[in-house]
Amino acid sequence: MAKKYLLEIIAIIAVIGFVLAFLYTSAVLPGAEFAGSDSAGSSQIAALTGKADTDFAPIIPQYVPPGVEIESALFALQAAVGGIVLGYVFGYWSCQAKCKKAE
């Protein structure tokens, strides 16, 4: 029975682990904010190269970054497409396994 529900058990353990990690960091650092990986990476690059973030120019000089709304919409679209692809792949694998059992 444990083998039948192995993926569900792993998913539950992962969710519990993430919740515990969140609760631990919230308790240890109550006023902390998540700065995001972009700002952390940019500050590390600036520290290593000695150049400030403003010294870097975009590859396409005429490019003006879109507003925050557009950026959020593109991120949501990327997440949706990734979810669709993952759903298709897992469904395909599931059907493959069912077809092998039927033979």
N, C-alpha and C. Protein backbone atom coordinates (compact mmCIF):
# COMPACT_ATOMS: atom_id res chain seq x y z
N MET A 1 0.81 -1.19 0.00
CA MET A 1 0.00 0.00 0.00
C MET A 1 0.86 1.26 0.00
N ALA A 2 1.99 1.22 0.70
CA ALA A 2 2.86 2.39 0.75
C ALA A 2 3.42 2.71 -0.63
N LYS A 3 3.68 1.68 -1.43
CA LYS A 3 4.21 1.92 -2.76
C LYS A 3 3.16 2.57 -3.66
N LYS A 4 1.90 2.25 -3.43
CA LYS A 4 0.83 2.79 -4.23
C LYS A 4 0.70 4.30 -4.02
N TYR A 5 0.93 4.75 -2.81
CA TYR A 5 0.78 6.16 -2.48
C TYR A 5 2.12 6.85 -2.25
N LEU A 6 3.18 6.37 -2.86
CA LEU A 6 4.52 6.90 -2.63
C LEU A 6 4.63 8.38 -3.03
N LEU A 7 4.12 8.74 -4.21
CA LEU A 7 4.23 10.13 -4.65
C LEU A 7 3.42 11.07 -3.75
N GLU A 8 2.25 10.61 -3.30
CA GLU A 8 1.45 11.43 -2.42
C GLU A 8 2.16 11.64 -1.08
N ILE A 9 2.78 10.60 -0.58
CA ILE A 9 3.51 10.70 0.69
C ILE A 9 4.69 11.66 0.54
N ILE A 10 5.40 11.58 -0.57
CA ILE A 10 6.53 12.50 -0.81
C ILE A 10 6.04 13.93 -0.92
N ALA A 11 4.91 14.14 -1.61
CA ALA A 11 4.36 15.49 -1.75
C ALA A 11 3.95 16.06 -0.40
N ILE A 12 3.32 15.24 0.44
CA ILE A 12 2.90 15.71 1.76
C ILE A 12 4.11 16.05 2.61
N ILE A 13 5.15 15.24 2.55
CA ILE A 13 6.37 15.52 3.31
C ILE A 13 7.01 16.81 2.83
N ALA A 14 7.02 17.04 1.50
CA ALA A 14 7.60 18.27 0.96
C ALA A 14 6.81 19.50 1.41
N VAL A 15 5.49 19.41 1.37
CA VAL A 15 4.66 20.54 1.81
C VAL A 15 4.89 20.82 3.29
N ILE A 16 4.93 19.78 4.10
CA ILE A 16 5.19 19.97 5.53
C ILE A 16 6.56 20.59 5.75
N GLY A 17 7.56 20.16 4.97
CA GLY A 17 8.90 20.74 5.08
C GLY A 17 8.92 22.21 4.73
N PHE A 18 8.21 22.60 3.66
CA PHE A 18 8.16 24.01 3.28
C PHE A 18 7.43 24.85 4.34
N VAL A 19 6.35 24.31 4.88
CA VAL A 19 5.61 25.03 5.92
C VAL A 19 6.49 25.21 7.16
N LEU A 20 7.18 24.15 7.56
CA LEU A 20 8.07 24.26 8.72
C LEU A 20 9.20 25.25 8.48
N ALA A 21 9.78 25.24 7.28
CA ALA A 21 10.84 26.20 6.96
C ALA A 21 10.31 27.64 7.01
N PHE A 22 9.10 27.86 6.50
CA PHE A 22 8.49 29.18 6.54
C PHE A 22 8.24 29.62 7.98
N LEU A 23 7.67 28.72 8.78
CA LEU A 23 7.38 29.07 10.17
C LEU A 23 8.65 29.33 10.96
N TYR A 24 9.69 28.55 10.70
CA TYR A 24 10.96 28.75 11.41
C TYR A 24 11.56 30.10 11.06
N THR A 25 11.63 30.44 9.77
CA THR A 25 12.22 31.72 9.39
C THR A 25 11.36 32.88 9.86
N SER A 26 10.04 32.70 9.89
CA SER A 26 9.16 33.77 10.39
C SER A 26 9.38 33.98 11.89
N ALA A 27 9.65 32.92 12.62
CA ALA A 27 9.85 33.05 14.06
C ALA A 27 11.22 33.64 14.38
N VAL A 28 12.24 33.25 13.61
CA VAL A 28 13.60 33.71 13.88
C VAL A 28 13.80 35.15 13.42
N LEU A 29 13.26 35.51 12.26
CA LEU A 29 13.41 36.85 11.69
C LEU A 29 12.03 37.46 11.47
N PRO A 30 11.40 38.01 12.51
CA PRO A 30 10.02 38.46 12.35
C PRO A 30 9.84 39.65 11.41
N GLY A 31 10.81 40.50 11.26
CA GLY A 31 10.66 41.68 10.40
C GLY A 31 11.30 41.52 9.04
N ALA A 32 11.73 40.32 8.71
CA ALA A 32 12.44 40.11 7.45
C ALA A 32 11.50 40.16 6.26
N GLU A 33 12.02 40.62 5.14
CA GLU A 33 11.26 40.65 3.89
C GLU A 33 12.05 39.88 2.84
N PHE A 34 11.32 39.27 1.93
CA PHE A 34 11.97 38.55 0.84
C PHE A 34 12.33 39.55 -0.25
N ALA A 35 13.63 39.70 -0.52
CA ALA A 35 14.08 40.69 -1.49
C ALA A 35 14.05 40.15 -2.91
N GLY A 36 13.99 38.85 -3.06
CA GLY A 36 13.99 38.27 -4.40
C GLY A 36 15.39 37.94 -4.85
N SER A 37 15.49 37.06 -5.81
CA SER A 37 16.80 36.62 -6.27
C SER A 37 17.44 37.61 -7.23
N ASP A 38 16.64 38.42 -7.92
CA ASP A 38 17.21 39.38 -8.86
C ASP A 38 18.07 40.42 -8.15
N SER A 39 17.55 40.97 -7.06
CA SER A 39 18.31 41.99 -6.35
C SER A 39 19.53 41.39 -5.65
N ALA A 40 19.39 40.16 -5.15
CA ALA A 40 20.54 39.52 -4.50
C ALA A 40 21.63 39.21 -5.51
N GLY A 41 21.24 38.72 -6.68
CA GLY A 41 22.23 38.42 -7.72
C GLY A 41 22.88 39.68 -8.25
N SER A 42 22.09 40.74 -8.44
CA SER A 42 22.65 42.00 -8.94
C SER A 42 23.64 42.60 -7.96
N SER A 43 23.33 42.52 -6.67
CA SER A 43 24.26 43.07 -5.68
C SER A 43 25.54 42.26 -5.62
N GLN A 44 25.45 40.94 -5.79
CA GLN A 44 26.66 40.11 -5.79
C GLN A 44 27.53 40.41 -7.02
N ILE A 45 26.89 40.57 -8.18
CA ILE A 45 27.64 40.91 -9.40
C ILE A 45 28.32 42.25 -9.24
N ALA A 46 27.60 43.21 -8.67
CA ALA A 46 28.19 44.54 -8.44
C ALA A 46 29.37 44.45 -7.47
N ALA A 47 29.27 43.61 -6.45
CA ALA A 47 30.36 43.47 -5.49
C ALA A 47 31.57 42.80 -6.12
N LEU A 48 31.35 41.82 -6.99
CA LEU A 48 32.46 41.10 -7.60
C LEU A 48 33.15 41.89 -8.70
N THR A 49 32.36 42.60 -9.51
CA THR A 49 32.95 43.32 -10.64
C THR A 49 33.39 44.72 -10.28
N GLY A 50 32.86 45.28 -9.20
CA GLY A 50 33.22 46.64 -8.84
C GLY A 50 32.41 47.69 -9.58
N LYS A 51 31.46 47.25 -10.41
CA LYS A 51 30.60 48.19 -11.14
C LYS A 51 29.24 48.23 -10.47
N ALA A 52 28.65 49.39 -10.43
CA ALA A 52 27.31 49.52 -9.88
C ALA A 52 26.29 48.93 -10.85
N ASP A 53 25.10 48.66 -10.35
CA ASP A 53 24.06 48.10 -11.21
C ASP A 53 23.71 49.02 -12.37
N THR A 54 23.83 50.32 -12.17
CA THR A 54 23.46 51.26 -13.23
C THR A 54 24.48 51.29 -14.36
N ASP A 55 25.67 50.72 -14.18
CA ASP A 55 26.68 50.73 -15.22
C ASP A 55 26.41 49.69 -16.31
N PHE A 56 25.51 48.75 -16.06
CA PHE A 56 25.21 47.72 -17.03
C PHE A 56 24.12 48.21 -17.98
N ALA A 57 24.34 48.01 -19.27
CA ALA A 57 23.38 48.45 -20.28
C ALA A 57 22.66 47.24 -20.87
N PRO A 58 21.40 47.39 -21.29
CA PRO A 58 20.71 46.27 -21.90
C PRO A 58 21.32 45.91 -23.26
N ILE A 59 21.08 44.68 -23.70
CA ILE A 59 21.61 44.22 -24.98
C ILE A 59 21.02 45.03 -26.13
N ILE A 60 19.73 45.31 -26.05
CA ILE A 60 19.06 46.13 -27.06
C ILE A 60 18.93 47.53 -26.47
N PRO A 61 19.68 48.50 -26.97
CA PRO A 61 19.71 49.82 -26.32
C PRO A 61 18.37 50.55 -26.35
N GLN A 62 17.52 50.31 -27.35
CA GLN A 62 16.26 51.02 -27.44
C GLN A 62 15.20 50.41 -26.52
N TYR A 63 15.48 49.28 -25.91
CA TYR A 63 14.49 48.57 -25.10
C TYR A 63 14.19 49.33 -23.83
N VAL A 64 12.92 49.56 -23.60
CA VAL A 64 12.46 50.18 -22.36
C VAL A 64 11.67 49.11 -21.61
N PRO A 65 12.07 48.77 -20.40
CA PRO A 65 11.36 47.72 -19.67
C PRO A 65 9.89 48.07 -19.49
N PRO A 66 9.01 47.07 -19.64
CA PRO A 66 7.58 47.34 -19.46
C PRO A 66 7.24 47.59 -18.00
N GLY A 67 6.03 47.98 -17.77
CA GLY A 67 5.58 48.24 -16.40
C GLY A 67 5.52 46.96 -15.59
N VAL A 68 5.27 47.12 -14.31
CA VAL A 68 5.21 45.99 -13.39
C VAL A 68 4.06 45.06 -13.75
N GLU A 69 2.95 45.64 -14.24
CA GLU A 69 1.79 44.82 -14.60
C GLU A 69 2.13 43.87 -15.74
N ILE A 70 2.83 44.38 -16.74
CA ILE A 70 3.21 43.55 -17.89
C ILE A 70 4.16 42.45 -17.45
N GLU A 71 5.10 42.80 -16.60
CA GLU A 71 6.06 41.82 -16.10
C GLU A 71 5.34 40.71 -15.33
N SER A 72 4.39 41.08 -14.50
CA SER A 72 3.62 40.08 -13.74
C SER A 72 2.79 39.21 -14.67
N ALA A 73 2.19 39.81 -15.68
CA ALA A 73 1.38 39.04 -16.63
C ALA A 73 2.24 38.05 -17.40
N LEU A 74 3.43 38.46 -17.82
CA LEU A 74 4.32 37.55 -18.55
C LEU A 74 4.78 36.41 -17.64
N PHE A 75 5.04 36.70 -16.38
CA PHE A 75 5.42 35.65 -15.45
C PHE A 75 4.28 34.67 -15.24
N ALA A 76 3.05 35.18 -15.12
CA ALA A 76 1.90 34.29 -14.96
C ALA A 76 1.69 33.45 -16.21
N LEU A 77 1.89 34.03 -17.38
CA LEU A 77 1.76 33.28 -18.63
C LEU A 77 2.82 32.18 -18.70
N GLN A 78 4.03 32.50 -18.30
CA GLN A 78 5.09 31.50 -18.28
C GLN A 78 4.75 30.36 -17.33
N ALA A 79 4.22 30.67 -16.17
CA ALA A 79 3.83 29.64 -15.21
C ALA A 79 2.70 28.78 -15.75
N ALA A 80 1.74 29.40 -16.43
CA ALA A 80 0.62 28.65 -17.00
C ALA A 80 1.09 27.69 -18.09
N VAL A 81 1.94 28.17 -18.97
CA VAL A 81 2.46 27.31 -20.04
C VAL A 81 3.26 26.16 -19.45
N GLY A 82 4.07 26.45 -18.44
CA GLY A 82 4.83 25.38 -17.79
C GLY A 82 3.93 24.36 -17.13
N GLY A 83 2.84 24.81 -16.51
CA GLY A 83 1.89 23.88 -15.90
C GLY A 83 1.20 23.02 -16.94
N ILE A 84 0.87 23.60 -18.08
CA ILE A 84 0.23 22.83 -19.15
C ILE A 84 1.19 21.77 -19.68
N VAL A 85 2.44 22.15 -19.89
CA VAL A 85 3.43 21.19 -20.41
C VAL A 85 3.65 20.06 -19.40
N LEU A 86 3.79 20.41 -18.12
CA LEU A 86 3.99 19.38 -17.11
C LEU A 86 2.77 18.46 -17.01
N GLY A 87 1.58 19.03 -17.07
CA GLY A 87 0.37 18.22 -17.04
C GLY A 87 0.29 17.26 -18.21
N TYR A 88 0.67 17.74 -19.39
CA TYR A 88 0.67 16.87 -20.57
C TYR A 88 1.67 15.73 -20.41
N VAL A 89 2.88 16.05 -19.95
CA VAL A 89 3.92 15.03 -19.80
C VAL A 89 3.50 13.98 -18.77
N PHE A 90 2.98 14.42 -17.62
CA PHE A 90 2.56 13.45 -16.61
C PHE A 90 1.36 12.64 -17.09
N GLY A 91 0.45 13.25 -17.81
CA GLY A 91 -0.67 12.50 -18.37
C GLY A 91 -0.22 11.48 -19.39
N TYR A 92 0.76 11.85 -20.21
CA TYR A 92 1.31 10.94 -21.21
C TYR A 92 1.96 9.74 -20.53
N TRP A 93 2.76 10.02 -19.49
CA TRP A 93 3.41 8.93 -18.76
C TRP A 93 2.38 8.02 -18.08
N SER A 94 1.35 8.63 -17.53
CA SER A 94 0.31 7.85 -16.87
C SER A 94 -0.40 6.94 -17.87
N CYS A 95 -0.70 7.46 -19.03
CA CYS A 95 -1.36 6.67 -20.06
C CYS A 95 -0.44 5.56 -20.57
N GLN A 96 0.84 5.87 -20.69
CA GLN A 96 1.81 4.84 -21.11
C GLN A 96 1.81 3.68 -20.12
N ALA A 97 1.80 4.01 -18.83
CA ALA A 97 1.83 2.96 -17.80
C ALA A 97 0.53 2.15 -17.84
N LYS A 98 -0.61 2.79 -18.05
CA LYS A 98 -1.88 2.07 -18.13
C LYS A 98 -1.93 1.19 -19.37
N CYS A 99 -1.37 1.67 -20.47
CA CYS A 99 -1.37 0.88 -21.71
C CYS A 99 -0.47 -0.37 -21.57
N LYS A 100 0.64 -0.22 -20.85
CA LYS A 100 1.52 -1.37 -20.63
C LYS A 100 0.85 -2.41 -19.75
N LYS A 101 0.07 -1.97 -18.75
CA LYS A 101 -0.64 -2.90 -17.88
C LYS A 101 -1.72 -3.64 -18.65
N ALA A 102 -2.35 -2.96 -19.61
CA ALA A 102 -3.44 -3.57 -20.37
C ALA A 102 -2.94 -4.67 -21.31
N GLU A 103 -1.69 -4.57 -21.72
CA GLU A 103 -1.15 -5.57 -22.66
C GLU A 103 -0.81 -6.86 -22.03
